[in-house]
Amino acid sequence: MAFPDIKTYREDRRLPMMNPDAHSRHFLGKSVFDLYHDTDDAPVNVRKSEGLLSFDIALPGFSREDITVEVRNDTLIVSAKKQEEERSEGEYIVQQFRMETVEKRFLLQPGADREEIKAKFANGLLTLSIRDLPPEEEKPVKRVTVE
């Protein structure tokens, strides 16, 4: 029995980008160091500065009307959905940037201001800004008499 063709890590990590099924033929199966991501996963940058938390979410190809931002319980949910356009120019050989639906969920910390979330969408980038609420003053201890 011959050993399978073994690729270096550098060669192997690029392979799924062109052919996702090829990665399953690696002699160890899927690698824990695999850099391949699902096509429907939008990249996110998160920044914090002086009481402001900002999320930059890349949503290329979506319009403002396709995007929904909502807070449910303690979770910030960003979703985008668009109808796929029919194209008759031929069939795809490689299709790496098809994103029809995207959903991102972020757990909000107790100090996040859920009422004043600002959202701005320009050039395929959705920016969400959330302010930190000032900590509540400690309430004085109230004694209750036991009867």
N, C-alpha and C. Protein backbone atom coordinates (compact mmCIF):
# COMPACT_ATOMS: atom_id res chain seq x y z
N MET A 1 0.84 -1.18 0.00
CA MET A 1 0.00 0.00 0.00
C MET A 1 0.88 1.24 0.00
N ALA A 2 0.64 2.16 -0.91
CA ALA A 2 1.44 3.38 -1.01
C ALA A 2 0.91 4.44 -0.06
N PHE A 3 1.85 5.27 0.44
CA PHE A 3 1.44 6.38 1.29
C PHE A 3 0.80 7.47 0.44
N PRO A 4 -0.18 8.20 0.99
CA PRO A 4 -0.79 9.29 0.22
C PRO A 4 0.21 10.42 0.02
N ASP A 5 -0.05 11.24 -0.97
CA ASP A 5 0.79 12.39 -1.24
C ASP A 5 0.68 13.36 -0.07
N ILE A 6 1.80 13.64 0.60
CA ILE A 6 1.80 14.51 1.78
C ILE A 6 2.28 15.89 1.37
N LYS A 7 1.46 16.89 1.64
CA LYS A 7 1.79 18.28 1.32
C LYS A 7 2.35 18.96 2.56
N THR A 8 3.13 20.01 2.34
CA THR A 8 3.57 20.81 3.47
C THR A 8 2.37 21.61 3.97
N TYR A 9 2.48 22.14 5.17
CA TYR A 9 1.37 22.93 5.72
C TYR A 9 1.07 24.12 4.82
N ARG A 10 2.10 24.80 4.33
CA ARG A 10 1.90 25.98 3.49
C ARG A 10 1.15 25.60 2.21
N GLU A 11 1.50 24.51 1.59
CA GLU A 11 0.80 24.07 0.38
C GLU A 11 -0.62 23.62 0.72
N ASP A 12 -0.75 22.92 1.82
CA ASP A 12 -2.03 22.32 2.18
C ASP A 12 -3.08 23.36 2.57
N ARG A 13 -2.68 24.45 3.23
CA ARG A 13 -3.68 25.42 3.69
C ARG A 13 -4.27 26.24 2.56
N ARG A 14 -3.59 26.35 1.43
CA ARG A 14 -4.13 27.09 0.29
C ARG A 14 -5.07 26.23 -0.55
N LEU A 15 -4.91 24.96 -0.49
CA LEU A 15 -5.67 24.04 -1.32
C LEU A 15 -7.18 24.16 -1.15
N PRO A 16 -7.73 24.25 0.07
CA PRO A 16 -9.19 24.31 0.21
C PRO A 16 -9.81 25.55 -0.40
N MET A 17 -9.03 26.61 -0.55
CA MET A 17 -9.59 27.82 -1.14
C MET A 17 -10.02 27.57 -2.59
N MET A 18 -9.31 26.71 -3.26
CA MET A 18 -9.65 26.40 -4.64
C MET A 18 -10.53 25.16 -4.75
N ASN A 19 -10.36 24.22 -3.81
CA ASN A 19 -11.12 22.98 -3.86
C ASN A 19 -11.38 22.48 -2.44
N PRO A 20 -12.52 22.85 -1.83
CA PRO A 20 -12.77 22.48 -0.44
C PRO A 20 -12.75 20.98 -0.18
N ASP A 21 -13.12 20.17 -1.14
CA ASP A 21 -13.15 18.72 -0.93
C ASP A 21 -11.75 18.12 -0.86
N ALA A 22 -10.76 18.80 -1.42
CA ALA A 22 -9.41 18.26 -1.43
C ALA A 22 -8.83 18.18 -0.02
N HIS A 23 -9.30 19.05 0.88
CA HIS A 23 -8.73 19.04 2.23
C HIS A 23 -9.06 17.76 2.98
N SER A 24 -10.16 17.13 2.66
CA SER A 24 -10.52 15.89 3.34
C SER A 24 -9.60 14.74 2.92
N ARG A 25 -8.84 14.92 1.84
CA ARG A 25 -7.92 13.88 1.39
C ARG A 25 -6.56 13.97 2.07
N HIS A 26 -6.34 14.99 2.91
CA HIS A 26 -5.08 15.11 3.64
C HIS A 26 -4.92 13.88 4.52
N PHE A 27 -3.71 13.38 4.68
CA PHE A 27 -3.52 12.11 5.36
C PHE A 27 -3.93 12.14 6.83
N LEU A 28 -4.04 13.34 7.44
CA LEU A 28 -4.51 13.45 8.81
C LEU A 28 -5.96 13.93 8.88
N GLY A 29 -6.59 14.09 7.74
CA GLY A 29 -7.94 14.66 7.74
C GLY A 29 -7.86 16.16 7.89
N LYS A 30 -8.88 16.78 8.46
CA LYS A 30 -8.85 18.23 8.66
C LYS A 30 -7.86 18.58 9.75
N SER A 31 -7.09 19.62 9.52
CA SER A 31 -6.08 20.06 10.46
C SER A 31 -6.71 21.01 11.49
N VAL A 32 -6.25 20.96 12.73
CA VAL A 32 -6.72 21.91 13.73
C VAL A 32 -6.19 23.30 13.44
N PHE A 33 -5.17 23.41 12.60
CA PHE A 33 -4.60 24.69 12.24
C PHE A 33 -5.14 25.20 10.91
N ASP A 34 -6.21 24.63 10.46
CA ASP A 34 -6.79 24.95 9.17
C ASP A 34 -7.21 26.41 9.11
N LEU A 35 -6.84 27.12 8.05
CA LEU A 35 -7.18 28.52 7.89
C LEU A 35 -8.41 28.72 7.02
N TYR A 36 -8.99 27.67 6.53
CA TYR A 36 -10.14 27.76 5.64
C TYR A 36 -11.38 28.16 6.44
N HIS A 37 -12.14 29.13 5.93
CA HIS A 37 -13.36 29.60 6.59
C HIS A 37 -14.55 29.36 5.67
N ASP A 38 -15.73 29.26 6.26
CA ASP A 38 -16.94 29.15 5.47
C ASP A 38 -17.12 30.42 4.64
N THR A 39 -17.76 30.28 3.49
CA THR A 39 -17.94 31.44 2.62
C THR A 39 -18.96 32.41 3.18
N ASP A 40 -19.86 31.97 4.05
CA ASP A 40 -20.89 32.85 4.58
C ASP A 40 -20.49 33.48 5.91
N ASP A 41 -19.22 33.59 6.19
CA ASP A 41 -18.75 34.17 7.44
C ASP A 41 -18.12 35.52 7.15
N ALA A 42 -18.75 36.59 7.62
CA ALA A 42 -18.24 37.94 7.38
C ALA A 42 -17.15 38.28 8.39
N PRO A 43 -16.02 38.83 7.94
CA PRO A 43 -14.96 39.20 8.87
C PRO A 43 -15.36 40.39 9.74
N VAL A 44 -14.87 40.41 10.98
CA VAL A 44 -15.23 41.45 11.94
C VAL A 44 -13.97 41.98 12.63
N ASN A 45 -13.91 43.30 12.81
CA ASN A 45 -12.91 43.93 13.65
C ASN A 45 -13.65 44.55 14.83
N VAL A 46 -13.12 44.37 16.05
CA VAL A 46 -13.74 44.96 17.24
C VAL A 46 -12.70 45.84 17.90
N ARG A 47 -13.10 47.11 18.19
CA ARG A 47 -12.20 48.07 18.83
C ARG A 47 -12.85 48.62 20.08
N LYS A 48 -12.02 48.98 21.06
CA LYS A 48 -12.52 49.63 22.27
C LYS A 48 -11.64 50.83 22.55
N SER A 49 -12.29 51.99 22.77
CA SER A 49 -11.54 53.19 23.10
C SER A 49 -12.42 54.14 23.88
N GLU A 50 -11.96 54.56 25.02
CA GLU A 50 -12.59 55.58 25.86
C GLU A 50 -14.11 55.42 25.97
N GLY A 51 -14.55 54.30 26.47
CA GLY A 51 -15.96 54.08 26.71
C GLY A 51 -16.79 53.78 25.49
N LEU A 52 -16.16 53.50 24.36
CA LEU A 52 -16.88 53.20 23.13
C LEU A 52 -16.39 51.87 22.57
N LEU A 53 -17.32 50.98 22.27
CA LEU A 53 -17.01 49.69 21.65
C LEU A 53 -17.50 49.75 20.22
N SER A 54 -16.62 49.48 19.25
CA SER A 54 -16.98 49.57 17.83
C SER A 54 -16.76 48.24 17.14
N PHE A 55 -17.73 47.85 16.32
CA PHE A 55 -17.67 46.64 15.51
C PHE A 55 -17.65 47.07 14.05
N ASP A 56 -16.66 46.63 13.29
CA ASP A 56 -16.62 46.85 11.84
C ASP A 56 -16.84 45.48 11.19
N ILE A 57 -17.95 45.35 10.47
CA ILE A 57 -18.31 44.07 9.86
C ILE A 57 -18.33 44.24 8.35
N ALA A 58 -17.53 43.45 7.64
CA ALA A 58 -17.46 43.53 6.18
C ALA A 58 -18.65 42.80 5.58
N LEU A 59 -19.47 43.54 4.84
CA LEU A 59 -20.64 42.98 4.17
C LEU A 59 -20.66 43.42 2.71
N PRO A 60 -19.66 43.01 1.92
CA PRO A 60 -19.62 43.44 0.52
C PRO A 60 -20.78 42.86 -0.28
N GLY A 61 -21.33 43.67 -1.16
CA GLY A 61 -22.42 43.21 -2.02
C GLY A 61 -23.80 43.36 -1.42
N PHE A 62 -23.88 43.70 -0.14
CA PHE A 62 -25.18 43.91 0.49
C PHE A 62 -25.54 45.39 0.42
N SER A 63 -26.83 45.68 0.44
CA SER A 63 -27.29 47.06 0.51
C SER A 63 -27.81 47.33 1.92
N ARG A 64 -28.04 48.58 2.23
CA ARG A 64 -28.52 48.98 3.55
C ARG A 64 -29.85 48.27 3.88
N GLU A 65 -30.68 48.08 2.87
CA GLU A 65 -31.99 47.45 3.08
C GLU A 65 -31.88 45.96 3.40
N ASP A 66 -30.76 45.33 3.05
CA ASP A 66 -30.56 43.90 3.30
C ASP A 66 -30.16 43.59 4.75
N ILE A 67 -29.77 44.63 5.51
CA ILE A 67 -29.13 44.44 6.82
C ILE A 67 -30.13 44.70 7.95
N THR A 68 -30.10 43.81 8.96
CA THR A 68 -30.92 43.96 10.16
C THR A 68 -30.01 43.88 11.37
N VAL A 69 -30.16 44.84 12.29
CA VAL A 69 -29.41 44.84 13.55
C VAL A 69 -30.43 44.89 14.67
N GLU A 70 -30.34 43.93 15.60
CA GLU A 70 -31.27 43.92 16.73
C GLU A 70 -30.59 43.39 17.98
N VAL A 71 -31.16 43.77 19.12
CA VAL A 71 -30.69 43.27 20.41
C VAL A 71 -31.80 42.41 20.98
N ARG A 72 -31.45 41.16 21.24
CA ARG A 72 -32.40 40.20 21.82
C ARG A 72 -31.76 39.65 23.09
N ASN A 73 -32.42 39.92 24.24
CA ASN A 73 -31.86 39.59 25.55
C ASN A 73 -30.51 40.29 25.69
N ASP A 74 -29.43 39.60 25.86
CA ASP A 74 -28.11 40.22 25.96
C ASP A 74 -27.27 39.97 24.71
N THR A 75 -27.91 39.70 23.60
CA THR A 75 -27.20 39.35 22.37
C THR A 75 -27.47 40.38 21.28
N LEU A 76 -26.39 40.90 20.71
CA LEU A 76 -26.48 41.78 19.54
C LEU A 76 -26.44 40.88 18.31
N ILE A 77 -27.47 40.96 17.47
CA ILE A 77 -27.57 40.10 16.30
C ILE A 77 -27.53 40.95 15.05
N VAL A 78 -26.56 40.67 14.19
CA VAL A 78 -26.44 41.35 12.90
C VAL A 78 -26.70 40.30 11.83
N SER A 79 -27.68 40.57 10.97
CA SER A 79 -27.97 39.63 9.89
C SER A 79 -28.15 40.39 8.60
N ALA A 80 -27.78 39.73 7.52
CA ALA A 80 -27.94 40.31 6.18
C ALA A 80 -28.40 39.20 5.25
N LYS A 81 -29.36 39.53 4.41
CA LYS A 81 -29.89 38.53 3.48
C LYS A 81 -30.23 39.22 2.18
N LYS A 82 -29.78 38.63 1.08
CA LYS A 82 -30.12 39.18 -0.23
C LYS A 82 -30.54 38.06 -1.16
N GLN A 83 -31.27 38.43 -2.16
CA GLN A 83 -31.69 37.48 -3.18
C GLN A 83 -30.55 37.31 -4.17
N GLU A 84 -30.25 36.08 -4.52
CA GLU A 84 -29.19 35.82 -5.49
C GLU A 84 -29.70 36.17 -6.88
N GLU A 85 -28.87 36.91 -7.60
CA GLU A 85 -29.24 37.29 -8.96
C GLU A 85 -28.92 36.15 -9.91
N GLU A 86 -29.84 35.90 -10.80
CA GLU A 86 -29.61 34.87 -11.82
C GLU A 86 -28.68 35.42 -12.89
N ARG A 87 -27.65 34.66 -13.20
CA ARG A 87 -26.71 35.05 -14.25
C ARG A 87 -26.67 33.95 -15.29
N SER A 88 -26.69 34.35 -16.53
CA SER A 88 -26.68 33.35 -17.60
C SER A 88 -25.39 33.38 -18.40
N GLU A 89 -24.33 33.95 -17.81
CA GLU A 89 -23.05 34.02 -18.52
C GLU A 89 -22.28 32.71 -18.51
N GLY A 90 -22.77 31.72 -17.84
CA GLY A 90 -22.07 30.44 -17.74
C GLY A 90 -22.03 29.99 -16.30
N GLU A 91 -21.44 28.83 -16.07
CA GLU A 91 -21.38 28.34 -14.71
C GLU A 91 -20.02 28.67 -14.09
N TYR A 92 -20.01 28.80 -12.77
CA TYR A 92 -18.79 29.13 -12.05
C TYR A 92 -17.86 27.92 -12.00
N ILE A 93 -16.58 28.18 -12.12
CA ILE A 93 -15.58 27.16 -11.89
C ILE A 93 -15.07 27.29 -10.46
N VAL A 94 -14.84 28.53 -10.02
CA VAL A 94 -14.50 28.84 -8.64
C VAL A 94 -15.40 30.00 -8.21
N GLN A 95 -16.03 29.87 -7.05
CA GLN A 95 -16.88 30.94 -6.53
C GLN A 95 -16.56 31.10 -5.05
N GLN A 96 -15.71 32.08 -4.72
CA GLN A 96 -15.22 32.22 -3.36
C GLN A 96 -15.93 33.30 -2.57
N PHE A 97 -16.61 34.23 -3.20
CA PHE A 97 -17.18 35.33 -2.43
C PHE A 97 -18.69 35.43 -2.52
N ARG A 98 -19.36 34.34 -2.71
CA ARG A 98 -20.82 34.34 -2.73
C ARG A 98 -21.34 34.36 -1.30
N MET A 99 -21.95 35.44 -0.93
CA MET A 99 -22.55 35.55 0.40
C MET A 99 -24.00 35.97 0.22
N GLU A 100 -24.92 35.05 0.46
CA GLU A 100 -26.35 35.36 0.35
C GLU A 100 -26.94 35.71 1.70
N THR A 101 -26.52 35.01 2.73
CA THR A 101 -26.98 35.30 4.09
C THR A 101 -25.80 35.29 5.04
N VAL A 102 -25.83 36.21 5.98
CA VAL A 102 -24.79 36.31 7.00
C VAL A 102 -25.48 36.57 8.32
N GLU A 103 -25.01 35.93 9.38
CA GLU A 103 -25.50 36.25 10.72
C GLU A 103 -24.35 36.22 11.70
N LYS A 104 -24.21 37.29 12.45
CA LYS A 104 -23.19 37.40 13.49
C LYS A 104 -23.90 37.67 14.81
N ARG A 105 -23.41 37.05 15.88
CA ARG A 105 -23.99 37.26 17.21
C ARG A 105 -22.87 37.65 18.17
N PHE A 106 -23.15 38.67 18.98
CA PHE A 106 -22.19 39.15 19.96
C PHE A 106 -22.89 39.25 21.31
N LEU A 107 -22.27 38.72 22.35
CA LEU A 107 -22.81 38.81 23.69
C LEU A 107 -22.44 40.17 24.27
N LEU A 108 -23.44 40.94 24.68
CA LEU A 108 -23.20 42.27 25.24
C LEU A 108 -22.93 42.17 26.73
N GLN A 109 -21.95 42.93 27.19
CA GLN A 109 -21.61 42.97 28.60
C GLN A 109 -22.65 43.78 29.36
N PRO A 110 -22.75 43.60 30.68
CA PRO A 110 -23.76 44.32 31.45
C PRO A 110 -23.66 45.84 31.34
N GLY A 111 -22.47 46.40 31.14
CA GLY A 111 -22.32 47.86 31.07
C GLY A 111 -22.60 48.47 29.71
N ALA A 112 -22.97 47.67 28.72
CA ALA A 112 -23.20 48.20 27.37
C ALA A 112 -24.56 48.89 27.29
N ASP A 113 -24.60 50.05 26.64
CA ASP A 113 -25.84 50.81 26.48
C ASP A 113 -26.64 50.23 25.32
N ARG A 114 -27.64 49.42 25.64
CA ARG A 114 -28.43 48.74 24.62
C ARG A 114 -29.41 49.68 23.91
N GLU A 115 -29.71 50.81 24.53
CA GLU A 115 -30.69 51.74 23.97
C GLU A 115 -30.09 52.68 22.93
N GLU A 116 -28.80 52.91 22.98
CA GLU A 116 -28.17 53.89 22.08
C GLU A 116 -27.09 53.25 21.20
N ILE A 117 -27.45 52.23 20.45
CA ILE A 117 -26.51 51.61 19.51
C ILE A 117 -26.62 52.35 18.18
N LYS A 118 -25.49 52.80 17.66
CA LYS A 118 -25.48 53.52 16.38
C LYS A 118 -24.94 52.59 15.30
N ALA A 119 -25.57 52.63 14.13
CA ALA A 119 -25.15 51.79 13.00
C ALA A 119 -24.98 52.67 11.77
N LYS A 120 -23.86 52.46 11.06
CA LYS A 120 -23.58 53.21 9.84
C LYS A 120 -23.07 52.21 8.80
N PHE A 121 -23.60 52.29 7.58
CA PHE A 121 -23.19 51.38 6.52
C PHE A 121 -22.71 52.20 5.33
N ALA A 122 -21.46 51.98 4.92
CA ALA A 122 -20.89 52.68 3.77
C ALA A 122 -19.82 51.80 3.14
N ASN A 123 -19.84 51.74 1.82
CA ASN A 123 -18.82 51.01 1.05
C ASN A 123 -18.65 49.56 1.50
N GLY A 124 -19.75 48.89 1.82
CA GLY A 124 -19.69 47.48 2.19
C GLY A 124 -19.22 47.21 3.60
N LEU A 125 -19.10 48.26 4.43
CA LEU A 125 -18.63 48.10 5.80
C LEU A 125 -19.69 48.63 6.77
N LEU A 126 -20.18 47.75 7.64
CA LEU A 126 -21.14 48.13 8.67
C LEU A 126 -20.38 48.43 9.95
N THR A 127 -20.56 49.63 10.49
CA THR A 127 -19.90 50.02 11.73
C THR A 127 -20.96 50.22 12.81
N LEU A 128 -20.84 49.47 13.89
CA LEU A 128 -21.74 49.59 15.03
C LEU A 128 -20.97 50.19 16.19
N SER A 129 -21.56 51.17 16.86
CA SER A 129 -20.92 51.81 18.01
C SER A 129 -21.82 51.67 19.23
N ILE A 130 -21.23 51.20 20.32
CA ILE A 130 -21.97 50.99 21.57
C ILE A 130 -21.20 51.68 22.69
N ARG A 131 -21.88 52.53 23.43
CA ARG A 131 -21.26 53.23 24.55
C ARG A 131 -21.36 52.39 25.82
N ASP A 132 -20.35 52.56 26.68
CA ASP A 132 -20.40 51.97 28.02
C ASP A 132 -21.21 52.89 28.91
N LEU A 133 -22.12 52.33 29.68
CA LEU A 133 -22.87 53.13 30.65
C LEU A 133 -22.00 53.38 31.87
N PRO A 134 -22.14 54.55 32.49
CA PRO A 134 -21.37 54.76 33.73
C PRO A 134 -21.85 53.79 34.80
N PRO A 135 -20.93 53.30 35.62
CA PRO A 135 -21.35 52.34 36.65
C PRO A 135 -22.34 53.00 37.61
N GLU A 136 -23.32 52.24 38.00
CA GLU A 136 -24.33 52.77 38.93
C GLU A 136 -23.68 53.01 40.29
N GLU A 137 -24.16 54.07 40.92
CA GLU A 137 -23.66 54.33 42.27
C GLU A 137 -24.17 53.23 43.20
N GLU A 138 -23.32 52.88 44.12
CA GLU A 138 -23.69 51.83 45.06
C GLU A 138 -24.83 52.33 45.94
N LYS A 139 -25.89 51.57 46.01
CA LYS A 139 -27.05 51.98 46.81
C LYS A 139 -26.78 51.68 48.28
N PRO A 140 -27.27 52.58 49.14
CA PRO A 140 -27.04 52.34 50.57
C PRO A 140 -27.77 51.09 51.04
N VAL A 141 -27.24 50.51 52.06
CA VAL A 141 -27.83 49.30 52.63
C VAL A 141 -29.11 49.68 53.36
N LYS A 142 -30.15 48.96 53.11
CA LYS A 142 -31.42 49.21 53.79
C LYS A 142 -31.69 48.05 54.73
N ARG A 143 -31.91 48.38 55.99
CA ARG A 143 -32.19 47.35 56.99
C ARG A 143 -33.69 47.11 57.04
N VAL A 144 -34.02 45.86 57.13
CA VAL A 144 -35.42 45.47 57.24
C VAL A 144 -35.60 44.88 58.63
N THR A 145 -36.57 45.41 59.35
CA THR A 145 -36.81 44.88 60.70
C THR A 145 -37.62 43.59 60.62
N VAL A 146 -37.23 42.67 61.44
CA VAL A 146 -37.89 41.38 61.48
C VAL A 146 -38.93 41.43 62.59
N GLU A 147 -40.16 41.10 62.31
CA GLU A 147 -41.23 41.12 63.31
C GLU A 147 -41.47 39.75 63.87
